[in-house]
Amino acid sequence: MNSINKYANWTPYLYFIAIAIYWFTSVNRIEGLSAYPILLLAIPFVWQLVKPNRKLNFYLGLSFICLSSYMIVGVISDLLNIPPIVLAKGVIIYGGLFALLNFVMSAWIIRNSYKRTF
């Protein structure tokens, strides 16, 4: 059980690495070479897995909390202005779940930065 708790702290980092890789592959199909800077977003999260740093952990969590809350506000404002005969309700639901999951993972990163052992 101890090993599960130890590796459970890696969940938010693996989540954001997976999101960066997914975003890269989807943009790479359309744009080609211009998608490679997206992979730079995964470097701090990989660094946290290799050599954890409390300050970097806190700054990553704080910046992604801000971005996620901005996305949540965008989804809510889009929900309030949507006409009833729109076929993109599934996209809004998936976008809302994505924004909420980003917020939870960012909060988890900040919680990890306050722990003494990583």
Protein backbone atom coordinates (compact mmCIF):
# COMPACT_ATOMS: atom_id res chain seq x y z
CA MET A 1 0.00 0.00 0.00
CA ASN A 2 2.93 2.31 0.65
CA SER A 3 4.16 1.98 -2.93
CA ILE A 4 0.71 2.87 -4.28
CA ASN A 5 0.64 6.03 -2.16
CA LYS A 6 4.19 6.88 -3.28
CA TYR A 7 3.36 6.57 -6.98
CA ALA A 8 -0.05 8.21 -6.62
CA ASN A 9 1.75 11.54 -6.20
CA TRP A 10 3.00 11.19 -9.78
CA THR A 11 -0.53 11.16 -11.21
CA PRO A 12 -0.85 14.90 -11.98
CA TYR A 13 2.54 15.01 -13.71
CA LEU A 14 1.75 11.99 -15.84
CA TYR A 15 -1.64 13.55 -16.64
CA PHE A 16 -0.12 16.79 -17.92
CA ILE A 17 2.57 14.88 -19.87
CA ALA A 18 -0.17 12.81 -21.51
CA ILE A 19 -2.15 15.96 -22.36
CA ALA A 20 0.95 17.56 -23.94
CA ILE A 21 1.64 14.43 -25.99
CA TYR A 22 -1.99 14.20 -27.12
CA TRP A 23 -2.03 17.88 -28.05
CA PHE A 24 1.24 17.44 -29.94
CA THR A 25 -0.02 14.46 -31.95
CA SER A 26 -3.29 16.12 -32.87
CA VAL A 27 -1.60 19.36 -33.96
CA ASN A 28 1.24 17.49 -35.69
CA ARG A 29 -1.24 15.78 -38.02
CA ILE A 30 -2.49 19.15 -39.23
CA GLU A 31 0.44 21.56 -38.90
CA GLY A 32 3.54 19.37 -39.17
CA LEU A 33 6.80 20.80 -37.83
CA SER A 34 5.22 23.77 -36.09
CA ALA A 35 3.78 21.42 -33.45
CA TYR A 36 7.14 20.56 -31.90
CA PRO A 37 7.25 23.54 -29.48
CA ILE A 38 4.22 21.97 -27.77
CA LEU A 39 6.53 19.25 -26.48
CA LEU A 40 8.37 21.92 -24.49
CA LEU A 41 5.35 22.11 -22.20
CA ALA A 42 6.04 18.59 -20.95
CA ILE A 43 9.65 19.27 -19.91
CA PRO A 44 8.91 20.73 -16.43
CA PHE A 45 6.62 17.81 -15.62
CA VAL A 46 9.21 15.25 -16.72
CA TRP A 47 11.77 17.15 -14.64
CA GLN A 48 9.50 16.86 -11.60
CA LEU A 49 9.38 13.09 -12.06
CA VAL A 50 13.16 12.80 -12.40
CA LYS A 51 14.33 15.33 -9.81
CA PRO A 52 11.52 16.86 -7.71
CA ASN A 53 11.80 20.51 -6.72
CA ARG A 54 9.34 22.10 -4.29
CA LYS A 55 9.54 25.60 -5.78
CA LEU A 56 9.04 24.41 -9.35
CA ASN A 57 6.22 22.21 -8.11
CA PHE A 58 4.48 25.16 -6.47
CA TYR A 59 4.91 27.42 -9.51
CA LEU A 60 3.63 24.75 -11.89
CA GLY A 61 0.59 24.14 -9.71
CA LEU A 62 -0.14 27.84 -9.29
CA SER A 63 0.19 28.67 -12.98
CA PHE A 64 -1.99 25.74 -14.04
CA ILE A 65 -4.59 26.60 -11.37
CA CYS A 66 -4.84 30.05 -12.99
CA LEU A 67 -5.11 28.59 -16.50
CA SER A 68 -7.67 26.00 -15.39
CA SER A 69 -9.84 28.54 -13.61
CA TYR A 70 -9.74 30.68 -16.76
CA MET A 71 -10.88 27.65 -18.78
CA ILE A 72 -13.68 26.94 -16.28
CA VAL A 73 -14.92 30.53 -16.60
CA GLY A 74 -14.84 30.14 -20.40
CA VAL A 75 -16.87 26.93 -20.30
CA ILE A 76 -19.44 28.44 -17.95
CA SER A 77 -19.82 31.56 -20.10
CA ASP A 78 -20.18 29.37 -23.18
CA LEU A 79 -22.87 27.31 -21.46
CA LEU A 80 -24.87 30.40 -20.57
CA ASN A 81 -24.92 31.76 -24.14
CA ILE A 82 -25.56 28.54 -26.01
CA PRO A 83 -28.76 28.19 -28.07
CA PRO A 84 -30.82 25.04 -27.46
CA ILE A 85 -30.51 23.70 -31.02
CA VAL A 86 -26.74 23.25 -31.04
CA LEU A 87 -25.21 19.88 -31.83
CA ALA A 88 -21.95 20.62 -30.00
CA LYS A 89 -23.22 19.89 -26.49
CA GLY A 90 -20.91 16.88 -26.27
CA VAL A 91 -17.93 19.13 -26.97
CA ILE A 92 -18.99 21.45 -24.18
CA ILE A 93 -19.38 18.56 -21.77
CA TYR A 94 -15.94 17.16 -22.64
CA GLY A 95 -14.41 20.64 -22.44
CA GLY A 96 -15.95 21.18 -19.03
CA LEU A 97 -14.65 17.85 -17.77
CA PHE A 98 -11.21 18.66 -19.16
CA ALA A 99 -11.16 22.06 -17.44
CA LEU A 100 -12.35 20.58 -14.14
CA LEU A 101 -9.81 17.76 -14.30
CA ASN A 102 -7.02 20.25 -15.03
CA PHE A 103 -8.08 22.24 -11.97
CA VAL A 104 -8.07 19.15 -9.75
CA MET A 105 -4.66 18.01 -11.01
CA SER A 106 -3.21 21.49 -10.50
CA ALA A 107 -4.53 21.58 -6.95
CA TRP A 108 -2.96 18.16 -6.41
CA ILE A 109 0.40 19.51 -7.59
CA ILE A 110 0.16 22.38 -5.11
CA ARG A 111 -0.74 19.92 -2.36
CA ASN A 112 2.33 17.87 -3.25
CA SER A 113 4.53 20.97 -2.98
CA TYR A 114 3.52 21.45 0.66
CA LYS A 115 4.48 17.92 1.66
CA ARG A 116 7.91 17.38 3.18
CA THR A 117 8.65 14.15 1.32
CA PHE A 118 7.88 13.88 -2.33
